[in-house]
Amino acid sequence: MKRRDLIDILCDFDLIHRDMLDVLGKIDFDAQIIYIKPQIRKDMRDTIIHELLHAYYYNLGVERTEEQIEKETIKLYNQIYKNG
């Protein structure tokens, strides 16, 4: 996966900030909407990457567990924000 793949997903999905009690983010594949709970910027970045990865693999028809998505989220976050 390339970073541009995630940007392409943002072109296809709406990103909506919404207070949610049970999760930081969720995705509605049918409506192509990513919901993000307003929070501090670092956590929002992390949540957005996480949900974009769900959309990326969904579009490929590839199953990923939450644990796999979370590991990849951390790796990608560090590549973008810590390693430049």
N, C-alpha and C. Protein backbone atom coordinates (compact mmCIF):
# COMPACT_ATOMS: atom_id res chain seq x y z
N MET A 1 0.83 -1.17 0.00
CA MET A 1 0.00 0.00 0.00
C MET A 1 0.88 1.24 0.00
N LYS A 2 0.46 2.22 -0.74
CA LYS A 2 1.15 3.50 -0.78
C LYS A 2 0.28 4.54 -0.10
N ARG A 3 0.92 5.56 0.42
CA ARG A 3 0.17 6.62 1.12
C ARG A 3 -0.88 7.24 0.22
N ARG A 4 -0.58 7.33 -1.06
CA ARG A 4 -1.55 7.93 -1.97
C ARG A 4 -2.83 7.11 -2.06
N ASP A 5 -2.74 5.78 -1.78
CA ASP A 5 -3.94 4.95 -1.76
C ASP A 5 -4.92 5.43 -0.69
N LEU A 6 -4.37 5.85 0.46
CA LEU A 6 -5.22 6.35 1.54
C LEU A 6 -5.86 7.69 1.17
N ILE A 7 -5.11 8.52 0.48
CA ILE A 7 -5.65 9.81 0.03
C ILE A 7 -6.77 9.57 -0.98
N ASP A 8 -6.59 8.59 -1.86
CA ASP A 8 -7.64 8.27 -2.83
C ASP A 8 -8.93 7.85 -2.13
N ILE A 9 -8.80 7.12 -1.03
CA ILE A 9 -9.98 6.73 -0.26
C ILE A 9 -10.70 7.95 0.28
N LEU A 10 -9.92 8.94 0.73
CA LEU A 10 -10.55 10.17 1.23
C LEU A 10 -11.34 10.88 0.14
N CYS A 11 -10.95 10.69 -1.10
CA CYS A 11 -11.70 11.28 -2.21
C CYS A 11 -13.04 10.59 -2.41
N ASP A 12 -13.12 9.33 -1.99
CA ASP A 12 -14.34 8.55 -2.18
C ASP A 12 -15.27 8.56 -0.97
N PHE A 13 -14.73 8.80 0.21
CA PHE A 13 -15.51 8.76 1.45
C PHE A 13 -15.67 10.16 2.02
N ASP A 14 -16.82 10.41 2.64
CA ASP A 14 -17.01 11.64 3.40
C ASP A 14 -16.43 11.42 4.80
N LEU A 15 -15.85 12.44 5.36
CA LEU A 15 -15.31 12.39 6.72
C LEU A 15 -16.16 13.32 7.59
N ILE A 16 -16.81 12.74 8.61
CA ILE A 16 -17.72 13.50 9.45
C ILE A 16 -17.27 13.40 10.90
N HIS A 17 -17.19 14.54 11.56
CA HIS A 17 -16.87 14.58 12.98
C HIS A 17 -18.18 14.44 13.75
N ARG A 18 -18.24 13.43 14.64
CA ARG A 18 -19.47 13.18 15.38
C ARG A 18 -19.12 12.62 16.75
N ASP A 19 -19.79 13.16 17.78
CA ASP A 19 -19.62 12.59 19.12
C ASP A 19 -20.24 11.20 19.15
N MET A 20 -19.44 10.24 19.59
CA MET A 20 -19.91 8.87 19.72
C MET A 20 -19.48 8.39 21.10
N LEU A 21 -20.33 7.65 21.77
CA LEU A 21 -20.03 7.20 23.12
C LEU A 21 -19.12 5.98 23.15
N ASP A 22 -19.28 5.08 22.19
CA ASP A 22 -18.63 3.78 22.30
C ASP A 22 -17.34 3.61 21.49
N VAL A 23 -17.09 4.45 20.50
CA VAL A 23 -15.92 4.29 19.64
C VAL A 23 -15.31 5.64 19.28
N LEU A 24 -14.05 5.61 18.87
CA LEU A 24 -13.39 6.83 18.40
C LEU A 24 -13.64 7.09 16.93
N GLY A 25 -13.89 6.01 16.20
CA GLY A 25 -14.17 6.14 14.78
C GLY A 25 -14.91 4.91 14.28
N LYS A 26 -15.64 5.10 13.19
CA LYS A 26 -16.31 3.97 12.55
C LYS A 26 -16.53 4.32 11.10
N ILE A 27 -16.79 3.28 10.32
CA ILE A 27 -16.94 3.49 8.88
C ILE A 27 -18.23 2.84 8.41
N ASP A 28 -18.94 3.54 7.55
CA ASP A 28 -20.14 3.02 6.91
C ASP A 28 -19.78 2.81 5.44
N PHE A 29 -19.53 1.54 5.08
CA PHE A 29 -19.07 1.25 3.73
C PHE A 29 -20.14 1.53 2.68
N ASP A 30 -21.39 1.24 3.01
CA ASP A 30 -22.47 1.46 2.03
C ASP A 30 -22.66 2.93 1.71
N ALA A 31 -22.65 3.77 2.74
CA ALA A 31 -22.83 5.22 2.53
C ALA A 31 -21.52 5.93 2.22
N GLN A 32 -20.40 5.21 2.34
CA GLN A 32 -19.05 5.75 2.13
C GLN A 32 -18.80 6.97 3.02
N ILE A 33 -19.01 6.74 4.33
CA ILE A 33 -18.79 7.78 5.33
C ILE A 33 -17.87 7.24 6.42
N ILE A 34 -16.89 8.04 6.79
CA ILE A 34 -16.04 7.75 7.94
C ILE A 34 -16.43 8.74 9.03
N TYR A 35 -16.81 8.21 10.20
CA TYR A 35 -17.17 9.04 11.35
C TYR A 35 -16.00 9.07 12.32
N ILE A 36 -15.63 10.25 12.77
CA ILE A 36 -14.51 10.44 13.69
C ILE A 36 -15.01 11.22 14.90
N LYS A 37 -14.74 10.71 16.09
CA LYS A 37 -15.10 11.41 17.32
C LYS A 37 -14.11 12.55 17.53
N PRO A 38 -14.59 13.77 17.76
CA PRO A 38 -13.68 14.87 18.04
C PRO A 38 -12.83 14.56 19.28
N GLN A 39 -11.53 14.75 19.15
CA GLN A 39 -10.57 14.44 20.22
C GLN A 39 -9.30 15.24 19.95
N ILE A 40 -8.26 15.00 20.74
CA ILE A 40 -7.02 15.73 20.48
C ILE A 40 -6.47 15.31 19.12
N ARG A 41 -5.75 16.20 18.48
CA ARG A 41 -5.31 16.02 17.10
C ARG A 41 -4.54 14.72 16.87
N LYS A 42 -3.62 14.36 17.75
CA LYS A 42 -2.83 13.13 17.56
C LYS A 42 -3.75 11.92 17.51
N ASP A 43 -4.71 11.87 18.40
CA ASP A 43 -5.64 10.74 18.43
C ASP A 43 -6.55 10.73 17.21
N MET A 44 -6.93 11.91 16.73
CA MET A 44 -7.76 11.98 15.53
C MET A 44 -6.98 11.48 14.32
N ARG A 45 -5.72 11.85 14.23
CA ARG A 45 -4.88 11.37 13.13
C ARG A 45 -4.82 9.85 13.15
N ASP A 46 -4.57 9.30 14.32
CA ASP A 46 -4.48 7.86 14.50
C ASP A 46 -5.80 7.18 14.09
N THR A 47 -6.90 7.73 14.53
CA THR A 47 -8.22 7.16 14.22
C THR A 47 -8.52 7.25 12.73
N ILE A 48 -8.19 8.35 12.11
CA ILE A 48 -8.42 8.51 10.67
C ILE A 48 -7.60 7.49 9.89
N ILE A 49 -6.34 7.32 10.24
CA ILE A 49 -5.50 6.31 9.57
C ILE A 49 -6.12 4.93 9.75
N HIS A 50 -6.55 4.62 10.96
CA HIS A 50 -7.16 3.33 11.27
C HIS A 50 -8.38 3.07 10.38
N GLU A 51 -9.27 4.04 10.28
CA GLU A 51 -10.48 3.87 9.48
C GLU A 51 -10.17 3.82 7.99
N LEU A 52 -9.18 4.59 7.55
CA LEU A 52 -8.78 4.53 6.14
C LEU A 52 -8.23 3.16 5.78
N LEU A 53 -7.50 2.54 6.71
CA LEU A 53 -7.00 1.19 6.46
C LEU A 53 -8.15 0.20 6.34
N HIS A 54 -9.18 0.35 7.17
CA HIS A 54 -10.36 -0.50 7.03
C HIS A 54 -10.94 -0.35 5.62
N ALA A 55 -11.09 0.88 5.16
CA ALA A 55 -11.66 1.13 3.83
C ALA A 55 -10.76 0.57 2.74
N TYR A 56 -9.46 0.74 2.89
CA TYR A 56 -8.50 0.24 1.90
C TYR A 56 -8.65 -1.27 1.73
N TYR A 57 -8.63 -1.99 2.82
CA TYR A 57 -8.72 -3.44 2.73
C TYR A 57 -10.11 -3.91 2.31
N TYR A 58 -11.13 -3.19 2.71
CA TYR A 58 -12.48 -3.51 2.27
C TYR A 58 -12.57 -3.40 0.75
N ASN A 59 -12.02 -2.33 0.19
CA ASN A 59 -12.05 -2.13 -1.26
C ASN A 59 -11.29 -3.23 -2.00
N LEU A 60 -10.25 -3.78 -1.35
CA LEU A 60 -9.49 -4.88 -1.95
C LEU A 60 -10.17 -6.24 -1.75
N GLY A 61 -11.16 -6.29 -0.87
CA GLY A 61 -11.80 -7.55 -0.54
C GLY A 61 -10.97 -8.42 0.39
N VAL A 62 -10.11 -7.77 1.18
CA VAL A 62 -9.19 -8.47 2.07
C VAL A 62 -9.68 -8.31 3.51
N GLU A 63 -9.79 -9.43 4.22
CA GLU A 63 -10.19 -9.41 5.64
C GLU A 63 -8.99 -9.08 6.52
N ARG A 64 -9.16 -8.19 7.46
CA ARG A 64 -8.13 -7.86 8.45
C ARG A 64 -8.79 -7.79 9.82
N THR A 65 -8.10 -8.31 10.83
CA THR A 65 -8.60 -8.21 12.21
C THR A 65 -8.31 -6.82 12.74
N GLU A 66 -8.98 -6.45 13.82
CA GLU A 66 -8.70 -5.17 14.47
C GLU A 66 -7.24 -5.10 14.90
N GLU A 67 -6.70 -6.22 15.37
CA GLU A 67 -5.30 -6.25 15.80
C GLU A 67 -4.37 -5.98 14.62
N GLN A 68 -4.64 -6.57 13.47
CA GLN A 68 -3.81 -6.32 12.29
C GLN A 68 -3.91 -4.87 11.84
N ILE A 69 -5.13 -4.34 11.85
CA ILE A 69 -5.32 -2.93 11.46
C ILE A 69 -4.59 -2.02 12.44
N GLU A 70 -4.68 -2.31 13.73
CA GLU A 70 -4.04 -1.45 14.72
C GLU A 70 -2.52 -1.47 14.58
N LYS A 71 -1.94 -2.63 14.33
CA LYS A 71 -0.49 -2.71 14.13
C LYS A 71 -0.07 -1.90 12.91
N GLU A 72 -0.83 -2.00 11.85
CA GLU A 72 -0.51 -1.25 10.64
C GLU A 72 -0.74 0.25 10.84
N THR A 73 -1.74 0.60 11.63
CA THR A 73 -2.00 2.01 11.95
C THR A 73 -0.80 2.62 12.66
N ILE A 74 -0.28 1.92 13.65
CA ILE A 74 0.88 2.43 14.40
C ILE A 74 2.08 2.59 13.48
N LYS A 75 2.31 1.60 12.65
CA LYS A 75 3.45 1.66 11.72
C LYS A 75 3.31 2.85 10.76
N LEU A 76 2.13 2.99 10.18
CA LEU A 76 1.91 4.08 9.22
C LEU A 76 1.95 5.44 9.89
N TYR A 77 1.37 5.54 11.07
CA TYR A 77 1.42 6.81 11.82
C TYR A 77 2.86 7.22 12.06
N ASN A 78 3.68 6.27 12.50
CA ASN A 78 5.09 6.57 12.77
C ASN A 78 5.82 6.97 11.49
N GLN A 79 5.51 6.32 10.38
CA GLN A 79 6.15 6.69 9.10
C GLN A 79 5.81 8.11 8.71
N ILE A 80 4.57 8.50 8.91
CA ILE A 80 4.12 9.82 8.49
C ILE A 80 4.55 10.92 9.46
N TYR A 81 4.33 10.69 10.77
CA TYR A 81 4.49 11.77 11.73
C TYR A 81 5.78 11.73 12.54
N LYS A 82 6.42 10.59 12.64
CA LYS A 82 7.64 10.53 13.45
C LYS A 82 8.89 10.41 12.58
N ASN A 83 8.77 9.73 11.44
CA ASN A 83 9.94 9.54 10.59
C ASN A 83 9.89 10.43 9.36
N GLY A 84 8.86 11.23 9.28
CA GLY A 84 8.76 12.24 8.28
C GLY A 84 8.33 11.93 6.93
